[in-house]
Amino acid sequence: MATRTVCSRLSLFQRHCIKQVFIQTQCKGSCPVEVSHLDHLVLTVKNLQHTTQFYSSVLGMEVITFKGNRKALSFGRQKFNLHQQGQEFEPKAKRPTPGSADLCLITKTPLASVAAHLKVCGVEIEEGPVERSGAVGPITSLYFRDPDDNLIEVSNYNQPASEGP
């Protein structure tokens, strides 16, 4: 019996490997998909009211309502759609979990002003300012948590040092 189970598991593993090699071989050519930007992402939250209050007052995001009573947080040309835990809209993430996100937001506001505003709002800075690597260059970042304990990083792109005359 044990031999049969090992053989069937090995067989499943082998089939999985063969399938992966086939998929990788099929996708080796040039990819026709060109992703240009992120439109939105979904945050699963414990409490919509606490989340919308936090992001609007602490980060200046606009709370929007769409498709009935769905909520989103709009900023720049992107948005965070919000799903109330246990009442997620379909299709949804495999394991929608409050507090599982780690987000980096770029601002032109000087981080000293951001830090002062966070203090006024009663938001504790976990780390920063610290130097990090952003998508298009070096950044300086502050880290803090939202009401669901998502890690929020607010950053400035570092300005190149101006050269002398």
Protein backbone atom coordinates (compact mmCIF):
# COMPACT_ATOMS: atom_id res chain seq x y z
CA MET A 1 0.00 0.00 0.00
CA ALA A 2 2.80 2.43 0.94
CA THR A 3 4.61 1.66 -2.32
CA ARG A 4 1.48 2.40 -4.34
CA THR A 5 1.01 5.79 -2.54
CA VAL A 6 4.64 6.80 -3.12
CA CYS A 7 4.38 5.81 -6.78
CA SER A 8 1.16 7.76 -7.31
CA ARG A 9 2.62 10.83 -5.57
CA LEU A 10 5.79 10.57 -7.62
CA SER A 11 3.68 10.22 -10.72
CA LEU A 12 1.72 13.38 -9.83
CA PHE A 13 4.98 15.20 -9.19
CA GLN A 14 6.40 14.03 -12.50
CA ARG A 15 3.25 15.12 -14.35
CA HIS A 16 3.47 18.53 -12.66
CA CYS A 17 7.13 18.89 -13.73
CA ILE A 18 6.38 17.92 -17.31
CA LYS A 19 3.49 20.40 -17.43
CA GLN A 20 5.71 23.21 -16.08
CA VAL A 21 8.45 22.49 -18.63
CA PHE A 22 5.83 22.51 -21.41
CA ILE A 23 4.41 25.86 -20.24
CA GLN A 24 7.86 27.42 -19.92
CA THR A 25 8.82 26.17 -23.38
CA GLN A 26 5.62 27.62 -24.90
CA CYS A 27 6.26 31.05 -23.28
CA LYS A 28 9.96 31.33 -24.18
CA GLY A 29 9.34 33.53 -27.21
CA SER A 30 8.67 37.23 -26.98
CA CYS A 31 5.75 38.07 -24.74
CA PRO A 32 2.93 40.03 -26.42
CA VAL A 33 1.74 41.42 -23.06
CA GLU A 34 3.05 44.86 -22.10
CA VAL A 35 1.81 46.03 -18.70
CA SER A 36 1.85 49.83 -18.52
CA HIS A 37 0.72 50.62 -14.98
CA LEU A 38 -1.30 49.59 -11.95
CA ASP A 39 -4.95 50.66 -12.05
CA HIS A 40 -6.09 49.45 -8.63
CA LEU A 41 -5.47 46.90 -5.96
CA VAL A 42 -7.82 45.49 -3.35
CA LEU A 43 -7.38 45.81 0.40
CA THR A 44 -9.47 43.52 2.57
CA VAL A 45 -10.31 45.44 5.74
CA LYS A 46 -11.87 44.75 9.12
CA ASN A 47 -13.79 48.03 9.25
CA LEU A 48 -14.57 50.16 6.17
CA GLN A 49 -15.28 53.29 8.22
CA HIS A 50 -11.98 53.15 10.14
CA THR A 51 -10.04 52.49 6.94
CA THR A 52 -11.66 55.27 4.90
CA GLN A 53 -11.23 57.73 7.79
CA PHE A 54 -7.55 56.83 8.15
CA TYR A 55 -6.62 57.04 4.47
CA SER A 56 -8.58 60.24 3.86
CA SER A 57 -7.35 62.14 6.94
CA VAL A 58 -3.81 60.75 7.21
CA LEU A 59 -2.93 60.38 3.52
CA GLY A 60 -5.38 62.74 1.82
CA MET A 61 -7.00 60.08 -0.34
CA GLU A 62 -10.48 60.68 -1.71
CA VAL A 63 -13.16 58.22 -0.62
CA ILE A 64 -15.31 57.24 -3.59
CA THR A 65 -18.44 55.11 -3.78
CA PHE A 66 -19.11 53.07 -6.90
CA LYS A 67 -21.37 50.24 -8.13
CA GLY A 68 -23.93 50.63 -5.39
CA ASN A 69 -22.18 50.97 -2.06
CA ARG A 70 -18.65 49.74 -2.86
CA LYS A 71 -15.85 51.90 -1.46
CA ALA A 72 -12.47 52.87 -2.86
CA LEU A 73 -9.67 55.25 -1.99
CA SER A 74 -8.57 57.36 -4.95
CA PHE A 75 -5.17 59.05 -5.33
CA GLY A 76 -3.29 60.17 -8.42
CA ARG A 77 -4.44 57.90 -11.25
CA GLN A 78 -4.87 54.82 -9.05
CA LYS A 79 -7.19 53.54 -6.37
CA PHE A 80 -7.46 51.00 -3.60
CA ASN A 81 -10.75 49.12 -3.77
CA LEU A 82 -11.88 48.10 -0.29
CA HIS A 83 -13.48 44.78 0.59
CA GLN A 84 -15.08 44.32 4.00
CA GLN A 85 -13.70 41.10 5.52
CA GLY A 86 -16.26 38.31 5.11
CA GLN A 87 -18.21 40.30 2.50
CA GLU A 88 -15.69 40.31 -0.34
CA PHE A 89 -16.81 40.82 -3.92
CA GLU A 90 -16.22 38.06 -6.49
CA PRO A 91 -13.84 37.25 -7.90
CA LYS A 92 -11.57 37.74 -4.92
CA ALA A 93 -8.12 36.80 -3.67
CA LYS A 94 -7.62 33.19 -2.64
CA ARG A 95 -7.03 34.21 0.99
CA PRO A 96 -8.32 37.77 1.53
CA THR A 97 -6.70 38.85 4.78
CA PRO A 98 -6.66 42.23 6.54
CA GLY A 99 -3.15 43.36 7.42
CA SER A 100 -1.31 41.35 4.77
CA ALA A 101 -0.32 44.26 2.49
CA ASP A 102 3.00 46.09 2.29
CA LEU A 103 2.55 49.23 0.19
CA CYS A 104 4.94 51.97 -0.92
CA LEU A 105 3.34 55.30 -1.79
CA ILE A 106 5.29 58.13 -3.41
CA THR A 107 4.69 61.74 -2.36
CA LYS A 108 6.24 65.06 -3.29
CA THR A 109 5.51 66.32 0.24
CA PRO A 110 8.78 66.55 2.20
CA LEU A 111 9.05 63.65 4.66
CA ALA A 112 9.59 66.06 7.57
CA SER A 113 6.11 67.45 6.86
CA VAL A 114 4.70 63.93 6.49
CA ALA A 115 6.26 62.93 9.84
CA ALA A 116 4.83 66.02 11.56
CA HIS A 117 1.37 65.27 10.13
CA LEU A 118 1.56 61.63 11.23
CA LYS A 119 2.40 62.79 14.76
CA VAL A 120 -0.59 65.17 14.81
CA CYS A 121 -2.80 62.28 13.63
CA GLY A 122 -1.47 60.00 16.37
CA VAL A 123 0.20 57.62 13.90
CA GLU A 124 3.42 56.05 15.17
CA ILE A 125 6.33 55.92 12.74
CA GLU A 126 7.87 52.45 12.88
CA GLU A 127 10.99 53.30 10.93
CA GLY A 128 12.50 56.18 9.05
CA PRO A 129 13.48 58.21 7.41
CA VAL A 130 15.58 55.49 5.77
CA GLU A 131 17.13 55.05 2.33
CA ARG A 132 15.53 52.39 0.11
CA SER A 133 15.38 51.39 -3.56
CA GLY A 134 12.26 52.45 -5.46
CA ALA A 135 10.97 51.30 -8.83
CA VAL A 136 12.76 54.09 -10.72
CA GLY A 137 15.54 55.08 -8.35
CA PRO A 138 16.62 55.66 -4.76
CA ILE A 139 13.96 56.78 -2.27
CA THR A 140 13.80 57.95 1.33
CA SER A 141 10.97 56.36 3.30
CA LEU A 142 8.88 56.48 6.45
CA TYR A 143 7.07 53.33 7.64
CA PHE A 144 3.87 53.11 9.67
CA ARG A 145 0.74 50.94 9.96
CA ASP A 146 -2.87 51.47 8.93
CA PRO A 147 -5.83 50.36 11.11
CA ASP A 148 -5.54 46.78 9.76
CA ASP A 149 -1.77 46.66 10.43
CA ASN A 150 -0.85 46.84 6.75
CA LEU A 151 2.68 48.22 6.44
CA ILE A 152 2.56 51.62 4.73
CA GLU A 153 5.72 53.16 3.32
CA VAL A 154 5.54 56.82 2.26
CA SER A 155 8.53 57.90 0.21
CA ASN A 156 10.21 60.70 -1.70
CA TYR A 157 12.39 60.00 -4.70
CA ASN A 158 15.86 61.27 -3.87
CA GLN A 159 16.88 64.34 -5.81
CA PRO A 160 20.29 64.17 -7.47
CA ALA A 161 22.78 66.46 -5.77
CA SER A 162 23.03 69.68 -7.72
CA GLU A 163 26.42 70.15 -9.27
CA GLY A 164 28.40 73.30 -8.62
CA PRO A 165 28.82 76.09 -11.18
